[in-house]
């Protein structure tokens, strides 16, 4: 909303508007990669998964007391494919309710 108001502000320079547009595009891309990963994780049985992407890293929280190596590999594969994050930059945290 704030970025849109900057873009719509007639008193700002084109450079400032371009920066706001680039930021909005970047934020939208990150949100889409997070959501895409979460949807696929849920479809594979990982309920209430939360994926947070910051730069080149991803934090993945999974509602589970523990995760097997097979489940961890599956989660890493999904986040790599959907979010474009390298395996070594993916942190998986099981979270109990």
C-alpha atoms as a PDB file:
ATOM      1  CA  UNK A   1       0.000   0.000   0.000  1.00  0.00           C
ATOM      2  CA  UNK A   2       2.814   2.383   0.902  1.00  0.00           C
ATOM      3  CA  UNK A   3       4.708   1.526  -2.278  1.00  0.00           C
ATOM      4  CA  UNK A   4       1.582   2.053  -4.369  1.00  0.00           C
ATOM      5  CA  UNK A   5       1.088   5.498  -2.822  1.00  0.00           C
ATOM      6  CA  UNK A   6       4.693   6.365  -3.732  1.00  0.00           C
ATOM      7  CA  UNK A   7       4.149   5.191  -7.304  1.00  0.00           C
ATOM      8  CA  UNK A   8       0.958   7.251  -7.563  1.00  0.00           C
ATOM      9  CA  UNK A   9       2.532  10.402  -6.041  1.00  0.00           C
ATOM     10  CA  UNK A  10       2.834  12.991  -8.820  1.00  0.00           C
ATOM     11  CA  UNK A  11       5.421  15.073  -6.938  1.00  0.00           C
ATOM     12  CA  UNK A  12       8.064  12.334  -6.861  1.00  0.00           C
ATOM     13  CA  UNK A  13      10.745  11.835  -9.485  1.00  0.00           C
ATOM     14  CA  UNK A  14      10.620   9.027 -12.028  1.00  0.00           C
ATOM     15  CA  UNK A  15      13.689   7.505 -10.341  1.00  0.00           C
ATOM     16  CA  UNK A  16      11.894   7.330  -6.984  1.00  0.00           C
ATOM     17  CA  UNK A  17       8.853   5.812  -8.661  1.00  0.00           C
ATOM     18  CA  UNK A  18      11.039   3.286 -10.496  1.00  0.00           C
ATOM     19  CA  UNK A  19      12.646   2.245  -7.203  1.00  0.00           C
ATOM     20  CA  UNK A  20       9.205   1.772  -5.641  1.00  0.00           C
ATOM     21  CA  UNK A  21       8.063  -0.324  -8.621  1.00  0.00           C
ATOM     22  CA  UNK A  22      11.212  -2.484  -8.418  1.00  0.00           C
ATOM     23  CA  UNK A  23      10.694  -3.003  -4.693  1.00  0.00           C
ATOM     24  CA  UNK A  24       7.056  -3.941  -5.245  1.00  0.00           C
ATOM     25  CA  UNK A  25       8.021  -6.450  -7.941  1.00  0.00           C
ATOM     26  CA  UNK A  26      10.668  -7.979  -5.665  1.00  0.00           C
ATOM     27  CA  UNK A  27       8.267  -8.299  -2.738  1.00  0.00           C
ATOM     28  CA  UNK A  28       5.621  -9.847  -4.980  1.00  0.00           C
ATOM     29  CA  UNK A  29       8.147 -12.364  -6.327  1.00  0.00           C
ATOM     30  CA  UNK A  30       9.189 -13.389  -2.807  1.00  0.00           C
ATOM     31  CA  UNK A  31       5.568 -13.754  -1.687  1.00  0.00           C
ATOM     32  CA  UNK A  32       4.760 -15.903  -4.730  1.00  0.00           C
ATOM     33  CA  UNK A  33       7.768 -18.193  -4.102  1.00  0.00           C
ATOM     34  CA  UNK A  34       6.835 -18.550  -0.421  1.00  0.00           C
ATOM     35  CA  UNK A  35       3.200 -19.310  -1.220  1.00  0.00           C
ATOM     36  CA  UNK A  36       4.076 -21.738  -4.001  1.00  0.00           C
ATOM     37  CA  UNK A  37       6.368 -23.657  -1.636  1.00  0.00           C
ATOM     38  CA  UNK A  38       3.771 -23.688   1.144  1.00  0.00           C
ATOM     39  CA  UNK A  39       1.027 -24.960  -1.174  1.00  0.00           C
ATOM     40  CA  UNK A  40       3.147 -27.814  -2.489  1.00  0.00           C
ATOM     41  CA  UNK A  41       4.367 -28.711   1.010  1.00  0.00           C
ATOM     42  CA  UNK A  42       0.762 -28.889   2.194  1.00  0.00           C
ATOM     43  CA  UNK A  43      -0.223 -31.027  -0.791  1.00  0.00           C
ATOM     44  CA  UNK A  44       2.529 -33.459   0.222  1.00  0.00           C
ATOM     45  CA  UNK A  45       1.108 -33.749   3.742  1.00  0.00           C
ATOM     46  CA  UNK A  46       3.071 -31.080   5.601  1.00  0.00           C
ATOM     47  CA  UNK A  47       0.197 -29.223   7.244  1.00  0.00           C
ATOM     48  CA  UNK A  48       0.535 -25.584   8.316  1.00  0.00           C
ATOM     49  CA  UNK A  49       3.944 -25.149   6.682  1.00  0.00           C
ATOM     50  CA  UNK A  50       5.367 -21.635   6.743  1.00  0.00           C
ATOM     51  CA  UNK A  51       8.144 -20.598   4.365  1.00  0.00           C
ATOM     52  CA  UNK A  52       9.985 -17.315   4.881  1.00  0.00           C
ATOM     53  CA  UNK A  53      12.460 -16.187   2.239  1.00  0.00           C
ATOM     54  CA  UNK A  54      15.092 -13.556   2.979  1.00  0.00           C
ATOM     55  CA  UNK A  55      17.621 -12.927   0.262  1.00  0.00           C
ATOM     56  CA  UNK A  56      19.095 -16.281  -0.698  1.00  0.00           C
ATOM     57  CA  UNK A  57      17.907 -18.153   2.413  1.00  0.00           C
ATOM     58  CA  UNK A  58      14.660 -19.851   3.369  1.00  0.00           C
ATOM     59  CA  UNK A  59      13.329 -20.742   6.800  1.00  0.00           C
ATOM     60  CA  UNK A  60      10.734 -23.489   6.786  1.00  0.00           C
ATOM     61  CA  UNK A  61       8.580 -24.211   9.839  1.00  0.00           C
ATOM     62  CA  UNK A  62       6.684 -27.495   9.798  1.00  0.00           C
ATOM     63  CA  UNK A  63       4.014 -28.499  12.318  1.00  0.00           C
ATOM     64  CA  UNK A  64       5.613 -31.698  13.570  1.00  0.00           C
ATOM     65  CA  UNK A  65       7.392 -32.981  16.645  1.00  0.00           C
ATOM     66  CA  UNK A  66      10.180 -34.430  14.519  1.00  0.00           C
ATOM     67  CA  UNK A  67      11.054 -35.022  10.877  1.00  0.00           C
ATOM     68  CA  UNK A  68      12.697 -38.038   9.298  1.00  0.00           C
ATOM     69  CA  UNK A  69      15.617 -37.639   6.902  1.00  0.00           C
ATOM     70  CA  UNK A  70      13.255 -38.594   4.070  1.00  0.00           C
ATOM     71  CA  UNK A  71      10.823 -35.814   5.037  1.00  0.00           C
ATOM     72  CA  UNK A  72      13.664 -33.292   5.327  1.00  0.00           C
ATOM     73  CA  UNK A  73      14.909 -34.268   1.852  1.00  0.00           C
ATOM     74  CA  UNK A  74      11.396 -33.894   0.449  1.00  0.00           C
ATOM     75  CA  UNK A  75      11.009 -30.441   2.034  1.00  0.00           C
ATOM     76  CA  UNK A  76      14.390 -29.315   0.705  1.00  0.00           C
ATOM     77  CA  UNK A  77      13.523 -30.572  -2.779  1.00  0.00           C
ATOM     78  CA  UNK A  78      10.229 -28.671  -2.796  1.00  0.00           C
ATOM     79  CA  UNK A  79      11.739 -25.402  -1.567  1.00  0.00           C
ATOM     80  CA  UNK A  80      14.637 -25.698  -4.015  1.00  0.00           C
ATOM     81  CA  UNK A  81      12.298 -26.184  -6.963  1.00  0.00           C
ATOM     82  CA  UNK A  82       9.584 -23.705  -6.020  1.00  0.00           C
ATOM     83  CA  UNK A  83      11.684 -20.968  -4.418  1.00  0.00           C
ATOM     84  CA  UNK A  84      15.036 -21.377  -6.142  1.00  0.00           C
ATOM     85  CA  UNK A  85      16.935 -21.621  -2.854  1.00  0.00           C
ATOM     86  CA  UNK A  86      20.064 -23.787  -2.520  1.00  0.00           C
ATOM     87  CA  UNK A  87      19.823 -26.745  -0.146  1.00  0.00           C
ATOM     88  CA  UNK A  88      22.544 -25.394   2.137  1.00  0.00           C
ATOM     89  CA  UNK A  89      20.515 -22.194   2.597  1.00  0.00           C
ATOM     90  CA  UNK A  90      17.312 -23.914   3.736  1.00  0.00           C
ATOM     91  CA  UNK A  91      16.681 -24.203   7.471  1.00  0.00           C
ATOM     92  CA  UNK A  92      13.891 -26.569   8.522  1.00  0.00           C
ATOM     93  CA  UNK A  93      12.381 -26.245  11.978  1.00  0.00           C
ATOM     94  CA  UNK A  94       9.787 -28.681  13.313  1.00  0.00           C
ATOM     95  CA  UNK A  95       7.306 -26.844  15.537  1.00  0.00           C
ATOM     96  CA  UNK A  96       5.032 -28.512  18.060  1.00  0.00           C
ATOM     97  CA  UNK A  97       1.663 -27.054  18.898  1.00  0.00           C
END
